[in-house]
Amino acid sequence: MIINGTACKHTRSSMLIFLDGHVAGRQPILSIDVVGESMSIDIAGQTTAIEPHISMTVPLPVHDWRLLDGLTFDDSFPGAACIAWCVNPQMIDMESFRCVLRTRSGKTFAVELAATLTCYDISDSGAPVSISVIEQFTLDSISVGIPKSSTSPVEDASRLLAKHLNPDAVSLPTLHCRYDTGKVDILAYEVHFPTTS
């Protein structure tokens, strides 16, 4: 990860596809998220403690996740959204972003992600910041959210997945329950379909 020309290690990164069965007609969403390690950096003439973060979501434009490589997303892509920040996500203006899924090897994609933003938590007049990262992301599974009212969440998730995505690109699902904070009442189901390379 590079912030205004300064290298920063990333501590967490993820790539996932989520299909929300709680909302009728909802499209699958591709989400890519990267977090950099905490560090001090000179921005706008002052030393600031930061923890850089980029988070992008975009409606999935293909029916088979294996066809994602080669695609580019930016702020002109319909439904695409990105937020990046260094200190506080509420104190930034996103200027632009770009995500390129360069190549795929099995379940792993080489992804280039870049964002330009203005940070008002670093300077009252707004400090310009650029964040870029080239990372290998592994897409292990596709998740489908199903309401707790479902009597057959795995079957409902399988039908919903087949409606939007190629079922040949995934293997047998596993069911996970989302509980309330007391871990007593089920709030919803999440069904994970492992990807096949």
N, C-alpha and C. Protein backbone atom coordinates (compact mmCIF):
# COMPACT_ATOMS: atom_id res chain seq x y z
N MET A 1 0.85 -1.18 0.00
CA MET A 1 0.00 0.00 0.00
C MET A 1 0.89 1.24 0.00
N ILE A 2 0.55 2.22 -0.85
CA ILE A 2 1.31 3.46 -0.95
C ILE A 2 0.38 4.62 -0.60
N ILE A 3 0.78 5.44 0.37
CA ILE A 3 0.02 6.63 0.77
C ILE A 3 0.88 7.85 0.48
N ASN A 4 0.46 8.67 -0.47
CA ASN A 4 1.22 9.86 -0.88
C ASN A 4 2.70 9.54 -1.10
N GLY A 5 2.97 8.41 -1.72
CA GLY A 5 4.33 8.04 -2.04
C GLY A 5 5.07 7.27 -0.96
N THR A 6 4.46 7.10 0.21
CA THR A 6 5.09 6.39 1.32
C THR A 6 4.53 4.97 1.42
N ALA A 7 5.42 3.99 1.50
CA ALA A 7 4.99 2.58 1.57
C ALA A 7 4.43 2.25 2.94
N CYS A 8 3.40 1.45 2.95
CA CYS A 8 2.74 1.02 4.19
C CYS A 8 2.30 -0.43 4.00
N LYS A 9 2.62 -1.29 4.97
CA LYS A 9 2.17 -2.69 4.87
C LYS A 9 0.66 -2.76 5.08
N HIS A 10 0.02 -3.71 4.39
CA HIS A 10 -1.39 -3.92 4.70
C HIS A 10 -1.52 -5.08 5.68
N THR A 11 -2.46 -4.90 6.60
CA THR A 11 -2.64 -5.87 7.67
C THR A 11 -3.81 -6.81 7.41
N ARG A 12 -4.81 -6.32 6.68
CA ARG A 12 -5.98 -7.16 6.36
C ARG A 12 -6.44 -6.83 4.95
N SER A 13 -6.88 -7.85 4.25
CA SER A 13 -7.48 -7.63 2.94
C SER A 13 -8.49 -8.74 2.67
N SER A 14 -9.55 -8.40 1.99
CA SER A 14 -10.58 -9.40 1.70
C SER A 14 -11.27 -9.09 0.39
N MET A 15 -11.76 -10.14 -0.22
CA MET A 15 -12.57 -10.05 -1.44
C MET A 15 -13.73 -11.01 -1.28
N LEU A 16 -14.95 -10.52 -1.44
CA LEU A 16 -16.09 -11.42 -1.28
C LEU A 16 -17.21 -11.03 -2.21
N ILE A 17 -18.07 -12.00 -2.47
CA ILE A 17 -19.31 -11.76 -3.21
C ILE A 17 -20.45 -12.10 -2.26
N PHE A 18 -21.40 -11.16 -2.13
CA PHE A 18 -22.52 -11.35 -1.22
C PHE A 18 -23.82 -11.11 -1.96
N LEU A 19 -24.77 -12.01 -1.74
CA LEU A 19 -26.11 -11.89 -2.31
C LEU A 19 -27.10 -11.78 -1.16
N ASP A 20 -27.78 -10.66 -1.06
CA ASP A 20 -28.68 -10.39 0.06
C ASP A 20 -30.10 -10.85 -0.28
N GLY A 21 -30.49 -11.99 0.30
CA GLY A 21 -31.82 -12.53 0.06
C GLY A 21 -32.92 -11.85 0.87
N HIS A 22 -32.54 -10.86 1.70
CA HIS A 22 -33.54 -10.13 2.48
C HIS A 22 -34.28 -9.09 1.63
N VAL A 23 -33.69 -8.72 0.50
CA VAL A 23 -34.27 -7.69 -0.37
C VAL A 23 -34.57 -8.30 -1.73
N ALA A 24 -35.84 -8.27 -2.14
CA ALA A 24 -36.24 -8.87 -3.42
C ALA A 24 -35.55 -8.16 -4.58
N GLY A 25 -35.02 -8.94 -5.51
CA GLY A 25 -34.40 -8.38 -6.70
C GLY A 25 -33.01 -7.83 -6.49
N ARG A 26 -32.43 -8.00 -5.32
CA ARG A 26 -31.09 -7.48 -5.05
C ARG A 26 -30.05 -8.24 -5.88
N GLN A 27 -29.14 -7.50 -6.48
CA GLN A 27 -28.06 -8.08 -7.28
C GLN A 27 -26.91 -8.51 -6.37
N PRO A 28 -26.13 -9.53 -6.77
CA PRO A 28 -24.92 -9.85 -6.00
C PRO A 28 -23.95 -8.68 -6.01
N ILE A 29 -23.24 -8.51 -4.90
CA ILE A 29 -22.29 -7.41 -4.73
C ILE A 29 -20.88 -7.97 -4.59
N LEU A 30 -19.94 -7.40 -5.32
CA LEU A 30 -18.53 -7.70 -5.15
C LEU A 30 -17.96 -6.65 -4.20
N SER A 31 -17.26 -7.12 -3.16
CA SER A 31 -16.68 -6.22 -2.17
C SER A 31 -15.19 -6.50 -2.04
N ILE A 32 -14.38 -5.45 -2.06
CA ILE A 32 -12.94 -5.55 -1.88
C ILE A 32 -12.53 -4.56 -0.79
N ASP A 33 -11.77 -5.03 0.19
CA ASP A 33 -11.44 -4.23 1.35
C ASP A 33 -9.97 -4.42 1.72
N VAL A 34 -9.27 -3.32 1.99
CA VAL A 34 -7.85 -3.39 2.39
C VAL A 34 -7.61 -2.43 3.54
N VAL A 35 -6.89 -2.89 4.57
CA VAL A 35 -6.53 -2.06 5.72
C VAL A 35 -5.01 -2.05 5.85
N GLY A 36 -4.44 -0.86 6.00
CA GLY A 36 -3.00 -0.72 6.20
C GLY A 36 -2.66 -0.67 7.67
N GLU A 37 -1.39 -0.93 8.00
CA GLU A 37 -0.98 -0.88 9.40
C GLU A 37 -0.93 0.56 9.88
N SER A 38 -1.11 0.74 11.18
CA SER A 38 -1.03 2.06 11.78
C SER A 38 0.39 2.59 11.65
N MET A 39 0.50 3.87 11.29
CA MET A 39 1.82 4.47 11.14
C MET A 39 1.70 5.99 11.22
N SER A 40 2.83 6.66 11.39
CA SER A 40 2.88 8.12 11.33
C SER A 40 3.44 8.52 9.99
N ILE A 41 2.86 9.54 9.40
CA ILE A 41 3.26 9.98 8.07
C ILE A 41 3.12 11.49 7.97
N ASP A 42 3.95 12.11 7.15
CA ASP A 42 3.84 13.55 6.90
C ASP A 42 2.82 13.79 5.80
N ILE A 43 1.73 14.48 6.16
CA ILE A 43 0.70 14.86 5.19
C ILE A 43 0.38 16.33 5.44
N ALA A 44 0.38 17.10 4.38
CA ALA A 44 0.07 18.54 4.44
C ALA A 44 0.96 19.26 5.45
N GLY A 45 2.23 18.85 5.53
CA GLY A 45 3.19 19.55 6.37
C GLY A 45 3.14 19.22 7.84
N GLN A 46 2.39 18.19 8.21
CA GLN A 46 2.37 17.79 9.62
C GLN A 46 2.39 16.28 9.75
N THR A 47 2.94 15.80 10.85
CA THR A 47 3.01 14.36 11.10
C THR A 47 1.70 13.90 11.72
N THR A 48 1.11 12.91 11.10
CA THR A 48 -0.21 12.44 11.51
C THR A 48 -0.19 10.93 11.68
N ALA A 49 -0.84 10.43 12.73
CA ALA A 49 -1.01 8.98 12.92
C ALA A 49 -2.20 8.54 12.07
N ILE A 50 -1.98 7.53 11.23
CA ILE A 50 -3.05 7.08 10.33
C ILE A 50 -3.19 5.56 10.37
N GLU A 51 -4.33 5.09 9.93
CA GLU A 51 -4.58 3.67 9.63
C GLU A 51 -5.36 3.65 8.32
N PRO A 52 -4.67 3.62 7.19
CA PRO A 52 -5.35 3.74 5.89
C PRO A 52 -6.27 2.56 5.61
N HIS A 53 -7.34 2.85 4.90
CA HIS A 53 -8.38 1.85 4.64
C HIS A 53 -9.03 2.18 3.30
N ILE A 54 -9.22 1.18 2.46
CA ILE A 54 -10.00 1.34 1.22
C ILE A 54 -11.06 0.24 1.20
N SER A 55 -12.29 0.63 0.91
CA SER A 55 -13.39 -0.34 0.84
C SER A 55 -14.23 -0.02 -0.39
N MET A 56 -14.35 -1.00 -1.31
CA MET A 56 -15.10 -0.81 -2.55
C MET A 56 -16.19 -1.85 -2.68
N THR A 57 -17.36 -1.43 -3.16
CA THR A 57 -18.43 -2.37 -3.50
C THR A 57 -18.94 -2.03 -4.89
N VAL A 58 -19.35 -3.06 -5.63
CA VAL A 58 -19.87 -2.85 -6.98
C VAL A 58 -20.85 -3.99 -7.30
N PRO A 59 -21.97 -3.67 -7.95
CA PRO A 59 -22.87 -4.76 -8.38
C PRO A 59 -22.11 -5.69 -9.32
N LEU A 60 -22.20 -6.99 -9.07
CA LEU A 60 -21.43 -7.97 -9.83
C LEU A 60 -21.87 -7.95 -11.30
N PRO A 61 -20.95 -7.65 -12.23
CA PRO A 61 -21.35 -7.50 -13.63
C PRO A 61 -21.32 -8.79 -14.45
N VAL A 62 -20.97 -9.92 -13.82
CA VAL A 62 -20.88 -11.19 -14.54
C VAL A 62 -21.67 -12.26 -13.76
N HIS A 63 -22.04 -13.34 -14.45
CA HIS A 63 -22.77 -14.43 -13.81
C HIS A 63 -21.84 -15.53 -13.30
N ASP A 64 -20.55 -15.42 -13.63
CA ASP A 64 -19.58 -16.41 -13.20
C ASP A 64 -18.37 -15.66 -12.65
N TRP A 65 -18.04 -15.87 -11.40
CA TRP A 65 -16.95 -15.13 -10.76
C TRP A 65 -15.62 -15.35 -11.47
N ARG A 66 -15.50 -16.45 -12.21
CA ARG A 66 -14.25 -16.74 -12.91
C ARG A 66 -14.01 -15.80 -14.09
N LEU A 67 -15.01 -14.99 -14.43
CA LEU A 67 -14.89 -14.04 -15.54
C LEU A 67 -14.59 -12.62 -15.06
N LEU A 68 -14.25 -12.46 -13.80
CA LEU A 68 -13.98 -11.13 -13.26
C LEU A 68 -12.64 -10.55 -13.72
N ASP A 69 -11.66 -11.40 -13.99
CA ASP A 69 -10.34 -10.86 -14.33
C ASP A 69 -10.41 -10.08 -15.63
N GLY A 70 -9.67 -8.97 -15.64
CA GLY A 70 -9.67 -8.07 -16.78
C GLY A 70 -10.64 -6.92 -16.66
N LEU A 71 -11.53 -6.95 -15.67
CA LEU A 71 -12.53 -5.89 -15.53
C LEU A 71 -11.96 -4.70 -14.76
N THR A 72 -12.49 -3.52 -15.06
CA THR A 72 -12.11 -2.28 -14.38
C THR A 72 -13.36 -1.61 -13.84
N PHE A 73 -13.29 -1.12 -12.60
CA PHE A 73 -14.39 -0.38 -11.99
C PHE A 73 -13.86 0.98 -11.53
N ASP A 74 -14.67 2.01 -11.71
CA ASP A 74 -14.32 3.32 -11.17
C ASP A 74 -15.62 4.06 -10.82
N ASP A 75 -15.50 5.36 -10.52
CA ASP A 75 -16.69 6.08 -10.08
C ASP A 75 -17.70 6.32 -11.19
N SER A 76 -17.38 5.93 -12.43
CA SER A 76 -18.36 6.05 -13.51
C SER A 76 -19.16 4.76 -13.71
N PHE A 77 -18.75 3.67 -13.03
CA PHE A 77 -19.44 2.39 -13.18
C PHE A 77 -20.74 2.43 -12.39
N PRO A 78 -21.89 2.09 -13.01
CA PRO A 78 -23.19 2.19 -12.32
C PRO A 78 -23.24 1.39 -11.02
N GLY A 79 -23.58 2.05 -9.94
CA GLY A 79 -23.73 1.38 -8.65
C GLY A 79 -22.45 1.17 -7.87
N ALA A 80 -21.30 1.51 -8.47
CA ALA A 80 -20.02 1.32 -7.78
C ALA A 80 -19.86 2.37 -6.69
N ALA A 81 -19.27 1.97 -5.57
CA ALA A 81 -19.02 2.91 -4.47
C ALA A 81 -17.69 2.56 -3.84
N CYS A 82 -16.98 3.58 -3.40
CA CYS A 82 -15.71 3.36 -2.71
C CYS A 82 -15.56 4.41 -1.64
N ILE A 83 -15.05 4.00 -0.49
CA ILE A 83 -14.68 4.95 0.53
C ILE A 83 -13.27 4.61 0.99
N ALA A 84 -12.45 5.63 1.12
CA ALA A 84 -11.08 5.46 1.60
C ALA A 84 -10.83 6.51 2.64
N TRP A 85 -10.01 6.19 3.64
CA TRP A 85 -9.72 7.17 4.68
C TRP A 85 -8.39 6.84 5.34
N CYS A 86 -7.88 7.82 6.06
CA CYS A 86 -6.63 7.65 6.80
C CYS A 86 -6.87 7.65 8.30
N VAL A 87 -7.81 8.48 8.77
CA VAL A 87 -8.08 8.60 10.20
C VAL A 87 -9.55 8.38 10.51
N ASN A 88 -10.42 9.14 9.85
CA ASN A 88 -11.85 9.12 10.17
C ASN A 88 -12.66 9.11 8.88
N PRO A 89 -13.45 8.06 8.62
CA PRO A 89 -14.21 8.00 7.36
C PRO A 89 -15.26 9.09 7.22
N GLN A 90 -15.66 9.73 8.32
CA GLN A 90 -16.66 10.80 8.25
C GLN A 90 -16.05 12.14 7.85
N MET A 91 -14.73 12.21 7.78
CA MET A 91 -14.05 13.50 7.55
C MET A 91 -13.31 13.53 6.22
N ILE A 92 -13.86 12.87 5.21
CA ILE A 92 -13.18 12.84 3.91
C ILE A 92 -14.16 13.16 2.78
N ASP A 93 -13.62 13.66 1.69
CA ASP A 93 -14.33 13.75 0.42
C ASP A 93 -13.62 12.81 -0.55
N MET A 94 -14.35 11.84 -1.08
CA MET A 94 -13.78 10.96 -2.10
C MET A 94 -13.75 11.70 -3.42
N GLU A 95 -12.58 11.78 -4.01
CA GLU A 95 -12.45 12.47 -5.29
C GLU A 95 -12.60 11.48 -6.45
N SER A 96 -11.92 10.35 -6.37
CA SER A 96 -12.01 9.35 -7.43
C SER A 96 -11.45 8.02 -6.93
N PHE A 97 -11.81 6.94 -7.62
CA PHE A 97 -11.23 5.64 -7.33
C PHE A 97 -11.19 4.81 -8.60
N ARG A 98 -10.35 3.78 -8.57
CA ARG A 98 -10.24 2.88 -9.71
C ARG A 98 -9.81 1.52 -9.19
N CYS A 99 -10.45 0.47 -9.69
CA CYS A 99 -10.10 -0.90 -9.31
C CYS A 99 -9.96 -1.71 -10.60
N VAL A 100 -8.81 -2.37 -10.73
CA VAL A 100 -8.55 -3.21 -11.90
C VAL A 100 -8.26 -4.62 -11.43
N LEU A 101 -9.06 -5.59 -11.88
CA LEU A 101 -8.81 -6.99 -11.58
C LEU A 101 -7.95 -7.53 -12.73
N ARG A 102 -6.65 -7.55 -12.50
CA ARG A 102 -5.70 -7.79 -13.59
C ARG A 102 -5.68 -9.24 -14.08
N THR A 103 -5.42 -10.17 -13.20
CA THR A 103 -5.31 -11.58 -13.63
C THR A 103 -5.91 -12.49 -12.57
N ARG A 104 -6.21 -13.71 -12.99
CA ARG A 104 -6.73 -14.72 -12.06
C ARG A 104 -5.91 -15.97 -12.17
N SER A 105 -5.60 -16.57 -11.03
CA SER A 105 -4.97 -17.88 -10.98
C SER A 105 -5.75 -18.71 -9.98
N GLY A 106 -6.58 -19.62 -10.47
CA GLY A 106 -7.47 -20.36 -9.58
C GLY A 106 -8.47 -19.42 -8.94
N LYS A 107 -8.49 -19.39 -7.59
CA LYS A 107 -9.40 -18.51 -6.86
C LYS A 107 -8.77 -17.17 -6.52
N THR A 108 -7.51 -16.95 -6.94
CA THR A 108 -6.77 -15.76 -6.55
C THR A 108 -6.68 -14.76 -7.69
N PHE A 109 -6.98 -13.50 -7.37
CA PHE A 109 -6.93 -12.41 -8.34
C PHE A 109 -5.83 -11.43 -7.95
N ALA A 110 -5.13 -10.92 -8.94
CA ALA A 110 -4.22 -9.79 -8.73
C ALA A 110 -5.03 -8.53 -8.97
N VAL A 111 -5.15 -7.70 -7.94
CA VAL A 111 -6.03 -6.53 -7.99
C VAL A 111 -5.22 -5.27 -7.72
N GLU A 112 -5.48 -4.26 -8.52
CA GLU A 112 -4.90 -2.93 -8.31
C GLU A 112 -6.04 -1.99 -7.91
N LEU A 113 -5.89 -1.34 -6.77
CA LEU A 113 -6.94 -0.47 -6.23
C LEU A 113 -6.31 0.86 -5.87
N ALA A 114 -6.93 1.96 -6.30
CA ALA A 114 -6.38 3.28 -6.03
C ALA A 114 -7.51 4.26 -5.72
N ALA A 115 -7.25 5.20 -4.82
CA ALA A 115 -8.24 6.21 -4.46
C ALA A 115 -7.54 7.54 -4.20
N THR A 116 -8.19 8.62 -4.61
CA THR A 116 -7.73 9.96 -4.25
C THR A 116 -8.83 10.60 -3.40
N LEU A 117 -8.43 11.25 -2.32
CA LEU A 117 -9.39 11.82 -1.39
C LEU A 117 -8.84 13.09 -0.76
N THR A 118 -9.73 13.84 -0.15
CA THR A 118 -9.36 15.02 0.61
C THR A 118 -9.74 14.77 2.05
N CYS A 119 -8.76 14.85 2.96
CA CYS A 119 -8.97 14.55 4.38
C CYS A 119 -9.10 15.84 5.17
N TYR A 120 -10.24 16.04 5.81
CA TYR A 120 -10.45 17.23 6.64
C TYR A 120 -10.14 16.97 8.10
N ASP A 121 -9.81 15.72 8.46
CA ASP A 121 -9.40 15.42 9.82
C ASP A 121 -7.90 15.68 10.00
N ILE A 122 -7.18 15.82 8.90
CA ILE A 122 -5.75 16.11 8.95
C ILE A 122 -5.51 17.62 8.84
N SER A 123 -6.32 18.28 8.00
CA SER A 123 -6.19 19.73 7.81
C SER A 123 -7.59 20.32 7.60
N ASP A 124 -7.87 21.45 8.27
CA ASP A 124 -9.19 22.09 8.13
C ASP A 124 -9.50 22.48 6.69
N SER A 125 -8.45 22.82 5.93
CA SER A 125 -8.67 23.19 4.54
C SER A 125 -8.69 21.98 3.62
N GLY A 126 -8.41 20.79 4.16
CA GLY A 126 -8.44 19.56 3.38
C GLY A 126 -7.07 19.18 2.84
N ALA A 127 -6.58 18.04 3.26
CA ALA A 127 -5.28 17.54 2.81
C ALA A 127 -5.49 16.52 1.69
N PRO A 128 -4.85 16.72 0.52
CA PRO A 128 -4.99 15.73 -0.56
C PRO A 128 -4.20 14.46 -0.23
N VAL A 129 -4.84 13.32 -0.43
CA VAL A 129 -4.20 12.03 -0.13
C VAL A 129 -4.49 11.08 -1.28
N SER A 130 -3.47 10.34 -1.68
CA SER A 130 -3.67 9.25 -2.65
C SER A 130 -3.27 7.94 -1.98
N ILE A 131 -4.10 6.93 -2.16
CA ILE A 131 -3.83 5.60 -1.60
C ILE A 131 -3.90 4.61 -2.76
N SER A 132 -2.90 3.77 -2.88
CA SER A 132 -2.95 2.73 -3.91
C SER A 132 -2.40 1.44 -3.34
N VAL A 133 -2.88 0.34 -3.89
CA VAL A 133 -2.44 -0.97 -3.42
C VAL A 133 -2.52 -1.98 -4.56
N ILE A 134 -1.54 -2.85 -4.64
CA ILE A 134 -1.60 -4.00 -5.54
C ILE A 134 -1.52 -5.23 -4.64
N GLU A 135 -2.53 -6.07 -4.69
CA GLU A 135 -2.63 -7.16 -3.73
C GLU A 135 -3.20 -8.39 -4.42
N GLN A 136 -2.84 -9.56 -3.88
CA GLN A 136 -3.44 -10.83 -4.31
C GLN A 136 -4.63 -11.11 -3.40
N PHE A 137 -5.81 -11.21 -3.98
CA PHE A 137 -7.03 -11.49 -3.22
C PHE A 137 -7.54 -12.88 -3.58
N THR A 138 -7.95 -13.64 -2.57
CA THR A 138 -8.52 -14.97 -2.80
C THR A 138 -10.02 -14.93 -2.52
N LEU A 139 -10.80 -15.39 -3.49
CA LEU A 139 -12.25 -15.46 -3.35
C LEU A 139 -12.61 -16.89 -2.95
N ASP A 140 -12.77 -17.13 -1.66
CA ASP A 140 -12.99 -18.49 -1.16
C ASP A 140 -14.43 -18.96 -1.29
N SER A 141 -15.38 -18.03 -1.14
CA SER A 141 -16.78 -18.46 -1.19
C SER A 141 -17.68 -17.30 -1.58
N ILE A 142 -18.91 -17.65 -1.96
CA ILE A 142 -19.96 -16.68 -2.22
C ILE A 142 -20.99 -16.86 -1.11
N SER A 143 -21.36 -15.75 -0.46
CA SER A 143 -22.28 -15.81 0.68
C SER A 143 -23.66 -15.31 0.27
N VAL A 144 -24.68 -16.01 0.75
CA VAL A 144 -26.06 -15.63 0.48
C VAL A 144 -26.78 -15.45 1.82
N GLY A 145 -27.32 -14.26 2.04
CA GLY A 145 -28.08 -13.99 3.26
C GLY A 145 -29.53 -14.39 3.08
N ILE A 146 -30.08 -15.08 4.08
CA ILE A 146 -31.46 -15.58 4.01
C ILE A 146 -32.18 -15.17 5.30
N PRO A 147 -33.42 -14.68 5.21
CA PRO A 147 -34.15 -14.27 6.42
C PRO A 147 -34.39 -15.42 7.38
N LYS A 148 -34.53 -15.10 8.66
CA LYS A 148 -34.74 -16.13 9.69
C LYS A 148 -36.09 -16.83 9.54
N SER A 149 -37.01 -16.24 8.76
CA SER A 149 -38.32 -16.85 8.55
C SER A 149 -38.26 -18.05 7.61
N SER A 150 -37.14 -18.25 6.95
CA SER A 150 -36.99 -19.37 6.01
C SER A 150 -37.05 -20.71 6.74
N THR A 151 -37.80 -21.65 6.16
CA THR A 151 -37.85 -23.00 6.74
C THR A 151 -36.82 -23.92 6.09
N SER A 152 -36.27 -23.51 4.94
CA SER A 152 -35.22 -24.28 4.26
C SER A 152 -34.17 -23.30 3.72
N PRO A 153 -33.35 -22.74 4.62
CA PRO A 153 -32.42 -21.70 4.18
C PRO A 153 -31.42 -22.14 3.12
N VAL A 154 -30.94 -23.39 3.19
CA VAL A 154 -29.97 -23.85 2.18
C VAL A 154 -30.63 -23.96 0.82
N GLU A 155 -31.85 -24.51 0.78
CA GLU A 155 -32.57 -24.62 -0.50
C GLU A 155 -32.90 -23.24 -1.05
N ASP A 156 -33.36 -22.33 -0.17
CA ASP A 156 -33.69 -20.97 -0.62
C ASP A 156 -32.44 -20.28 -1.16
N ALA A 157 -31.32 -20.45 -0.48
CA ALA A 157 -30.07 -19.83 -0.93
C ALA A 157 -29.60 -20.42 -2.25
N SER A 158 -29.76 -21.73 -2.41
CA SER A 158 -29.35 -22.38 -3.66
C SER A 158 -30.18 -21.89 -4.84
N ARG A 159 -31.48 -21.73 -4.62
CA ARG A 159 -32.35 -21.21 -5.69
C ARG A 159 -31.98 -19.77 -6.05
N LEU A 160 -31.73 -18.96 -5.03
CA LEU A 160 -31.38 -17.56 -5.26
C LEU A 160 -30.03 -17.44 -5.97
N LEU A 161 -29.08 -18.25 -5.56
CA LEU A 161 -27.77 -18.24 -6.22
C LEU A 161 -27.90 -18.62 -7.69
N ALA A 162 -28.66 -19.70 -7.97
CA ALA A 162 -28.82 -20.17 -9.35
C ALA A 162 -29.53 -19.14 -10.22
N LYS A 163 -30.35 -18.30 -9.61
CA LYS A 163 -31.06 -17.25 -10.36
C LYS A 163 -30.10 -16.17 -10.84
N HIS A 164 -29.04 -15.89 -10.06
CA HIS A 164 -28.14 -14.78 -10.37
C HIS A 164 -26.77 -15.20 -10.85
N LEU A 165 -26.31 -16.39 -10.44
CA LEU A 165 -24.93 -16.79 -10.70
C LEU A 165 -24.86 -18.21 -11.25
N ASN A 166 -23.71 -18.55 -11.82
CA ASN A 166 -23.50 -19.87 -12.38
C ASN A 166 -23.26 -20.87 -11.24
N PRO A 167 -24.19 -21.80 -11.00
CA PRO A 167 -24.00 -22.75 -9.89
C PRO A 167 -22.85 -23.72 -10.12
N ASP A 168 -22.37 -23.86 -11.36
CA ASP A 168 -21.23 -24.74 -11.64
C ASP A 168 -19.92 -24.17 -11.10
N ALA A 169 -19.92 -22.87 -10.73
CA ALA A 169 -18.70 -22.22 -10.25
C ALA A 169 -18.53 -22.32 -8.74
N VAL A 170 -19.44 -23.05 -8.08
CA VAL A 170 -19.37 -23.22 -6.62
C VAL A 170 -19.59 -24.68 -6.27
N SER A 171 -19.24 -25.05 -5.03
CA SER A 171 -19.47 -26.43 -4.57
C SER A 171 -20.52 -26.43 -3.46
N LEU A 172 -20.65 -27.54 -2.75
CA LEU A 172 -21.73 -27.73 -1.78
C LEU A 172 -21.71 -26.68 -0.67
N PRO A 173 -22.87 -26.13 -0.34
CA PRO A 173 -22.94 -25.02 0.63
C PRO A 173 -22.86 -25.47 2.09
N THR A 174 -22.52 -24.52 2.95
CA THR A 174 -22.58 -24.72 4.40
C THR A 174 -23.45 -23.62 5.00
N LEU A 175 -24.21 -23.99 6.02
CA LEU A 175 -25.15 -23.06 6.66
C LEU A 175 -24.53 -22.47 7.92
N HIS A 176 -24.66 -21.15 8.08
CA HIS A 176 -24.23 -20.45 9.28
C HIS A 176 -25.40 -19.63 9.82
N CYS A 177 -25.55 -19.61 11.12
CA CYS A 177 -26.62 -18.84 11.76
C CYS A 177 -26.05 -17.55 12.34
N ARG A 178 -26.77 -16.45 12.14
CA ARG A 178 -26.42 -15.17 12.76
C ARG A 178 -27.30 -15.00 13.99
N TYR A 179 -26.65 -14.90 15.15
CA TYR A 179 -27.38 -14.79 16.41
C TYR A 179 -27.36 -13.36 16.94
N ASP A 180 -28.29 -13.07 17.85
CA ASP A 180 -28.27 -11.77 18.53
C ASP A 180 -27.08 -11.72 19.49
N THR A 181 -26.90 -10.61 20.16
CA THR A 181 -25.74 -10.45 21.03
C THR A 181 -25.73 -11.45 22.18
N GLY A 182 -26.88 -11.93 22.57
CA GLY A 182 -26.95 -12.93 23.64
C GLY A 182 -26.75 -14.35 23.13
N LYS A 183 -26.54 -14.50 21.82
CA LYS A 183 -26.32 -15.81 21.16
C LYS A 183 -27.45 -16.80 21.45
N VAL A 184 -28.68 -16.23 21.51
CA VAL A 184 -29.85 -17.07 21.77
C VAL A 184 -30.76 -17.11 20.55
N ASP A 185 -31.21 -15.95 20.10
CA ASP A 185 -32.16 -15.88 18.99
C ASP A 185 -31.43 -15.76 17.65
N ILE A 186 -31.90 -16.52 16.67
CA ILE A 186 -31.34 -16.42 15.32
C ILE A 186 -31.87 -15.15 14.67
N LEU A 187 -30.97 -14.31 14.14
CA LEU A 187 -31.37 -13.09 13.45
C LEU A 187 -31.54 -13.33 11.95
N ALA A 188 -30.69 -14.21 11.40
CA ALA A 188 -30.73 -14.50 9.97
C ALA A 188 -29.83 -15.70 9.71
N TYR A 189 -29.91 -16.20 8.48
CA TYR A 189 -29.02 -17.28 8.05
C TYR A 189 -28.05 -16.74 7.00
N GLU A 190 -26.88 -17.32 6.96
CA GLU A 190 -25.93 -17.02 5.89
C GLU A 190 -25.44 -18.36 5.35
N VAL A 191 -25.58 -18.53 4.05
CA VAL A 191 -25.18 -19.78 3.40
C VAL A 191 -23.95 -19.48 2.55
N HIS A 192 -22.87 -20.24 2.79
CA HIS A 192 -21.61 -20.04 2.09
C HIS A 192 -21.42 -21.13 1.04
N PHE A 193 -21.17 -20.70 -0.19
CA PHE A 193 -20.92 -21.60 -1.30
C PHE A 193 -19.43 -21.50 -1.66
N PRO A 194 -18.62 -22.49 -1.32
CA PRO A 194 -17.19 -22.43 -1.68
C PRO A 194 -17.01 -22.35 -3.19
N THR A 195 -16.08 -21.51 -3.62
CA THR A 195 -15.80 -21.39 -5.05
C THR A 195 -14.95 -22.56 -5.53
N THR A 196 -15.14 -22.94 -6.78
CA THR A 196 -14.34 -24.00 -7.38
C THR A 196 -13.40 -23.36 -8.38
N SER A 197 -12.14 -23.76 -8.36
CA SER A 197 -11.17 -23.12 -9.28
C SER A 197 -11.15 -23.80 -10.63
